[in-house]
């Protein structure tokens, strides 16, 4: 008789009856010191310490122009709006996010394969990588909603089955990011502690969470504890600048009530040595356009 495969030990339990603080059990930078790559050693040290690092000009102004034009084309395309990969703002009915852009668009595919980007992801994760998720977030002026405080890993672990903290995101600004137009905020050092959230995962939770996250969000008390201990950093900069941040860093962004849009492209890289299991705290995996399957690596 063939025995069933052994389920890996859950190092980061979440979505239980109460919140739980768990010390990180994984490295932040997985590569050996001195591993060659686009990052300077001091940048990796900063990433390891704070859970993020900024790059002032990851892509050039000409490349930003091409990416912006492609974003405008996607948002204006009725077929994209009708696709399930497009997420629409509940209030304004404008497009909020477009997922799997590296498969929808040749321009964004080239960006996801760019050695300046993939090389940095490999340097952090210490292995070959694949795109776990890609999306553009569009925050048009006059009322675009923000993204509440959360750890990406909490969701990717609970709902996508990623077992270890071996995943990294990069947010590349396609418009100027100001403190006033809903820029990214991160709590430095929060990546060192996993916050297991309280509450069960609703069925098809992604349909709600991509518009307004509820399950997997920390309590006010927990957020206050982290903010008091870590502080909060705002990330501003010109178009073309980028922020690399750890999968477990607590982050969020406010609403944009200014006239000035804020649009960013997000690329999430996972290690090929961190393949998804079954979800740790959800009945089924989220769709592949949100969380790529191992056989769909790109």
Foldseek 3Di string as FASTA:
>chain_A
DDDDDDDDDQQFAAQAAAKDKHFAPDQQFDADPPDDFDDDSVQLVQCRQFQKGKDAFLDDPVLLVVVVVVVVVLQPDVVQLPDPQFDAAPPPRGTFKGKPVLVVDVSVVCVLVDRSPQRVLCRRLVAHKFFFIKMKGKAAAAWRFKADWAFQVLCCQQAVAQRHQRKKKKKAWSAWDDLQFWFKKWFTPQLRMAMHHYHAQDVVNVSVVVNYNDPRHHDPVVVVVSCVVGNMDGDTHGGNMMMMGTRGITMMIGHHHHNDMIMIMMTMIGHLVRAGDARPGHDGHDDCSGGNHSVPTD
